PDB file of all heavy atoms in Angstrom:
ATOM      1  N   SER A   1      13.062  25.499   9.672  1.00  0.00           N
ATOM      2  CA  SER A   1      13.958  26.649   9.511  1.00  0.00           C
ATOM      3  C   SER A   1      15.363  26.063   9.310  1.00  0.00           C
ATOM      4  O   SER A   1      15.551  24.921   9.523  1.00  0.00           O
ATOM      5  CB  SER A   1      13.919  27.552  10.728  1.00  0.00           C
ATOM      6  OG  SER A   1      14.391  26.851  11.894  1.00  0.00           O
ATOM      7  N   GLY A   2      16.225  26.853   8.876  1.00  0.00           N
ATOM      8  CA  GLY A   2      17.640  26.470   8.764  1.00  0.00           C
ATOM      9  C   GLY A   2      18.082  26.279   7.315  1.00  0.00           C
ATOM     10  O   GLY A   2      19.299  26.022   7.092  1.00  0.00           O
ATOM     11  N   GLY A   3      17.272  26.345   6.359  1.00  0.00           N
ATOM     12  CA  GLY A   3      17.651  26.229   4.953  1.00  0.00           C
ATOM     13  C   GLY A   3      18.496  27.401   4.493  1.00  0.00           C
ATOM     14  O   GLY A   3      18.591  28.410   5.114  1.00  0.00           O
ATOM     15  N   GLY A   4      19.123  27.182   3.301  1.00  0.00           N
ATOM     16  CA  GLY A   4      19.961  28.232   2.741  1.00  0.00           C
ATOM     17  C   GLY A   4      20.786  27.714   1.599  1.00  0.00           C
ATOM     18  O   GLY A   4      20.605  26.606   1.108  1.00  0.00           O
ATOM     19  N   LEU A   5      21.806  28.556   1.217  1.00  0.00           N
ATOM     20  CA  LEU A   5      22.729  28.142   0.177  1.00  0.00           C
ATOM     21  C   LEU A   5      24.102  27.674   0.802  1.00  0.00           C
ATOM     22  O   LEU A   5      24.614  28.339   1.709  1.00  0.00           O
ATOM     23  CB  LEU A   5      22.993  29.367  -0.678  1.00  0.00           C
ATOM     24  CG  LEU A   5      24.052  29.232  -1.834  1.00  0.00           C
ATOM     25  CD1 LEU A   5      23.608  28.224  -2.816  1.00  0.00           C
ATOM     26  CD2 LEU A   5      24.248  30.610  -2.472  1.00  0.00           C
ATOM     27  N   GLU A   6      24.491  26.580   0.327  1.00  0.00           N
ATOM     28  CA  GLU A   6      25.797  26.038   0.802  1.00  0.00           C
ATOM     29  C   GLU A   6      26.545  25.400  -0.352  1.00  0.00           C
ATOM     30  O   GLU A   6      25.997  24.896  -1.264  1.00  0.00           O
ATOM     31  CB  GLU A   6      25.550  25.003   1.948  1.00  0.00           C
ATOM     32  CG  GLU A   6      26.798  24.426   2.663  1.00  0.00           C
ATOM     33  CD  GLU A   6      27.664  25.477   3.266  1.00  0.00           C
ATOM     34  OE1 GLU A   6      27.296  25.887   4.401  1.00  0.00           O
ATOM     35  OE2 GLU A   6      28.645  25.877   2.630  1.00  0.00           O
ATOM     36  N   GLN A   7      27.879  25.405  -0.254  1.00  0.00           N
ATOM     37  CA  GLN A   7      28.769  24.784  -1.257  1.00  0.00           C
ATOM     38  C   GLN A   7      28.818  23.266  -1.021  1.00  0.00           C
ATOM     39  O   GLN A   7      28.652  22.761   0.125  1.00  0.00           O
ATOM     40  CB  GLN A   7      30.153  25.366  -1.215  1.00  0.00           C
ATOM     41  CG  GLN A   7      30.188  26.775  -1.664  1.00  0.00           C
ATOM     42  CD  GLN A   7      31.566  27.283  -1.960  1.00  0.00           C
ATOM     43  OE1 GLN A   7      31.879  27.718  -3.020  1.00  0.00           O
ATOM     44  NE2 GLN A   7      32.438  27.109  -1.013  1.00  0.00           N
ATOM     45  N   ALA A   8      29.086  22.518  -2.087  1.00  0.00           N
ATOM     46  CA  ALA A   8      29.305  21.079  -2.020  1.00  0.00           C
ATOM     47  C   ALA A   8      30.338  20.790  -1.015  1.00  0.00           C
ATOM     48  O   ALA A   8      31.393  21.462  -0.929  1.00  0.00           O
ATOM     49  CB  ALA A   8      29.619  20.483  -3.311  1.00  0.00           C
ATOM     50  N   GLY A   9      30.030  19.741  -0.123  1.00  0.00           N
ATOM     51  CA  GLY A   9      31.032  19.409   0.919  1.00  0.00           C
ATOM     52  C   GLY A   9      30.747  20.136   2.256  1.00  0.00           C
ATOM     53  O   GLY A   9      31.266  19.670   3.330  1.00  0.00           O
ATOM     54  N   GLY A  10      29.919  21.094   2.213  1.00  0.00           N
ATOM     55  CA  GLY A  10      29.491  21.896   3.456  1.00  0.00           C
ATOM     56  C   GLY A  10      28.379  21.237   4.264  1.00  0.00           C
ATOM     57  O   GLY A  10      27.971  20.172   3.999  1.00  0.00           O
ATOM     58  N   SER A  11      27.952  22.015   5.216  1.00  0.00           N
ATOM     59  CA  SER A  11      26.972  21.490   6.183  1.00  0.00           C
ATOM     60  C   SER A  11      25.806  22.451   6.420  1.00  0.00           C
ATOM     61  O   SER A  11      26.032  23.733   6.397  1.00  0.00           O
ATOM     62  CB  SER A  11      27.627  21.118   7.480  1.00  0.00           C
ATOM     63  OG  SER A  11      28.542  20.128   7.344  1.00  0.00           O
ATOM     64  N   LEU A  12      24.681  22.071   6.737  1.00  0.00           N
ATOM     65  CA  LEU A  12      23.548  22.779   7.178  1.00  0.00           C
ATOM     66  C   LEU A  12      22.764  21.987   8.230  1.00  0.00           C
ATOM     67  O   LEU A  12      22.814  20.704   8.207  1.00  0.00           O
ATOM     68  CB  LEU A  12      22.560  23.140   6.060  1.00  0.00           C
ATOM     69  CG  LEU A  12      23.037  24.112   5.048  1.00  0.00           C
ATOM     70  CD1 LEU A  12      21.970  24.142   3.770  1.00  0.00           C
ATOM     71  CD2 LEU A  12      23.095  25.539   5.654  1.00  0.00           C
ATOM     72  N   ARG A  13      22.089  22.702   9.147  1.00  0.00           N
ATOM     73  CA  ARG A  13      21.200  22.004  10.106  1.00  0.00           C
ATOM     74  C   ARG A  13      19.852  22.615  10.000  1.00  0.00           C
ATOM     75  O   ARG A  13      19.635  23.765  10.181  1.00  0.00           O
ATOM     76  CB  ARG A  13      21.798  22.166  11.583  1.00  0.00           C
ATOM     77  CG  ARG A  13      20.956  21.291  12.507  1.00  0.00           C
ATOM     78  CD  ARG A  13      21.430  21.469  13.955  1.00  0.00           C
ATOM     79  NE  ARG A  13      20.998  22.714  14.556  1.00  0.00           N
ATOM     80  CZ  ARG A  13      20.985  22.957  15.912  1.00  0.00           C
ATOM     81  NH1 ARG A  13      21.340  22.011  16.731  1.00  0.00           N
ATOM     82  NH2 ARG A  13      20.609  24.192  16.283  1.00  0.00           N
ATOM     83  N   LEU A  14      18.931  21.719   9.704  1.00  0.00           N
ATOM     84  CA  LEU A  14      17.507  22.083   9.690  1.00  0.00           C
ATOM     85  C   LEU A  14      16.788  21.813  10.931  1.00  0.00           C
ATOM     86  O   LEU A  14      17.116  20.826  11.689  1.00  0.00           O
ATOM     87  CB  LEU A  14      16.712  21.320   8.539  1.00  0.00           C
ATOM     88  CG  LEU A  14      17.384  21.393   7.154  1.00  0.00           C
ATOM     89  CD1 LEU A  14      16.462  20.621   6.183  1.00  0.00           C
ATOM     90  CD2 LEU A  14      17.550  22.845   6.697  1.00  0.00           C
ATOM     91  N   SER A  15      15.871  22.706  11.323  1.00  0.00           N
ATOM     92  CA  SER A  15      15.093  22.566  12.534  1.00  0.00           C
ATOM     93  C   SER A  15      13.569  22.470  12.282  1.00  0.00           C
ATOM     94  O   SER A  15      13.113  23.077  11.244  1.00  0.00           O
ATOM     95  CB  SER A  15      15.275  23.695  13.481  1.00  0.00           C
ATOM     96  OG  SER A  15      16.690  23.738  13.903  1.00  0.00           O
ATOM     97  N   CYS A  16      12.887  21.607  12.960  1.00  0.00           N
ATOM     98  CA  CYS A  16      11.379  21.475  12.839  1.00  0.00           C
ATOM     99  C   CYS A  16      10.873  21.699  14.183  1.00  0.00           C
ATOM    100  O   CYS A  16      10.966  20.837  15.087  1.00  0.00           O
ATOM    101  CB  CYS A  16      11.020  20.162  12.285  1.00  0.00           C
ATOM    102  SG  CYS A  16       9.233  19.817  12.204  1.00  0.00           S
ATOM    103  N   ALA A  17      10.169  22.798  14.434  1.00  0.00           N
ATOM    104  CA  ALA A  17       9.552  23.123  15.722  1.00  0.00           C
ATOM    105  C   ALA A  17       8.079  22.653  15.678  1.00  0.00           C
ATOM    106  O   ALA A  17       7.347  23.097  14.734  1.00  0.00           O
ATOM    107  CB  ALA A  17       9.656  24.552  16.087  1.00  0.00           C
ATOM    108  N   ALA A  18       7.653  21.790  16.605  1.00  0.00           N
ATOM    109  CA  ALA A  18       6.335  21.259  16.595  1.00  0.00           C
ATOM    110  C   ALA A  18       5.471  21.804  17.725  1.00  0.00           C
ATOM    111  O   ALA A  18       5.936  21.818  18.899  1.00  0.00           O
ATOM    112  CB  ALA A  18       6.435  19.771  16.788  1.00  0.00           C
ATOM    113  N   SER A  19       4.316  22.284  17.470  1.00  0.00           N
ATOM    114  CA  SER A  19       3.366  22.776  18.412  1.00  0.00           C
ATOM    115  C   SER A  19       2.355  21.618  18.591  1.00  0.00           C
ATOM    116  O   SER A  19       1.389  21.482  17.852  1.00  0.00           O
ATOM    117  CB  SER A  19       2.616  24.027  17.910  1.00  0.00           C
ATOM    118  OG  SER A  19       3.557  25.131  17.751  1.00  0.00           O
ATOM    119  N   VAL A  20       2.615  20.826  19.622  1.00  0.00           N
ATOM    120  CA  VAL A  20       1.764  19.670  19.906  1.00  0.00           C
ATOM    121  C   VAL A  20       1.629  19.531  21.464  1.00  0.00           C
ATOM    122  O   VAL A  20       2.364  20.100  22.231  1.00  0.00           O
ATOM    123  CB  VAL A  20       2.373  18.396  19.404  1.00  0.00           C
ATOM    124  CG1 VAL A  20       2.429  18.375  17.875  1.00  0.00           C
ATOM    125  CG2 VAL A  20       3.699  18.197  19.926  1.00  0.00           C
ATOM    126  N   ARG A  21       0.541  18.812  21.846  1.00  0.00           N
ATOM    127  CA  ARG A  21       0.253  18.568  23.315  1.00  0.00           C
ATOM    128  C   ARG A  21       1.229  17.518  23.908  1.00  0.00           C
ATOM    129  O   ARG A  21       1.767  17.713  24.913  1.00  0.00           O
ATOM    130  CB  ARG A  21      -1.172  18.257  23.499  1.00  0.00           C
ATOM    131  CG  ARG A  21      -2.146  19.361  23.292  1.00  0.00           C
ATOM    132  CD  ARG A  21      -3.560  18.894  23.651  1.00  0.00           C
ATOM    133  NE  ARG A  21      -4.477  20.000  23.553  1.00  0.00           N
ATOM    134  CZ  ARG A  21      -5.772  19.858  23.928  1.00  0.00           C
ATOM    135  NH1 ARG A  21      -6.226  18.684  24.277  1.00  0.00           N
ATOM    136  NH2 ARG A  21      -6.578  20.833  23.764  1.00  0.00           N
ATOM    137  N   THR A  22       1.341  16.384  23.118  1.00  0.00           N
ATOM    138  CA  THR A  22       2.126  15.275  23.622  1.00  0.00           C
ATOM    139  C   THR A  22       3.151  14.897  22.519  1.00  0.00           C
ATOM    140  O   THR A  22       2.843  14.035  21.680  1.00  0.00           O
ATOM    141  CB  THR A  22       1.260  14.057  23.970  1.00  0.00           C
ATOM    142  OG1 THR A  22       0.401  13.812  22.898  1.00  0.00           O
ATOM    143  CG2 THR A  22       0.350  14.421  25.188  1.00  0.00           C
ATOM    144  N   PHE A  23       4.263  15.509  22.557  1.00  0.00           N
ATOM    145  CA  PHE A  23       5.375  15.304  21.533  1.00  0.00           C
ATOM    146  C   PHE A  23       5.800  13.883  21.492  1.00  0.00           C
ATOM    147  O   PHE A  23       6.046  13.347  20.385  1.00  0.00           O
ATOM    148  CB  PHE A  23       6.484  16.278  21.952  1.00  0.00           C
ATOM    149  CG  PHE A  23       7.627  16.464  20.877  1.00  0.00           C
ATOM    150  CD1 PHE A  23       7.288  16.742  19.553  1.00  0.00           C
ATOM    151  CD2 PHE A  23       8.960  16.356  21.182  1.00  0.00           C
ATOM    152  CE1 PHE A  23       8.233  16.786  18.548  1.00  0.00           C
ATOM    153  CE2 PHE A  23       9.910  16.511  20.192  1.00  0.00           C
ATOM    154  CZ  PHE A  23       9.481  16.721  18.910  1.00  0.00           C
ATOM    155  N   SER A  24       5.789  13.216  22.626  1.00  0.00           N
ATOM    156  CA  SER A  24       6.345  11.851  22.682  1.00  0.00           C
ATOM    157  C   SER A  24       5.464  10.874  21.973  1.00  0.00           C
ATOM    158  O   SER A  24       5.848   9.654  21.719  1.00  0.00           O
ATOM    159  CB  SER A  24       6.491  11.399  24.104  1.00  0.00           C
ATOM    160  OG  SER A  24       5.322  11.373  24.841  1.00  0.00           O
TER     161      SER A  24
END
């Protein structure tokens, strides 16, 4: 999640949510 439209020089933050038993 977190994608979108941004102008050059700007910022975005993407997230990746994981459904797992042992994340580490």
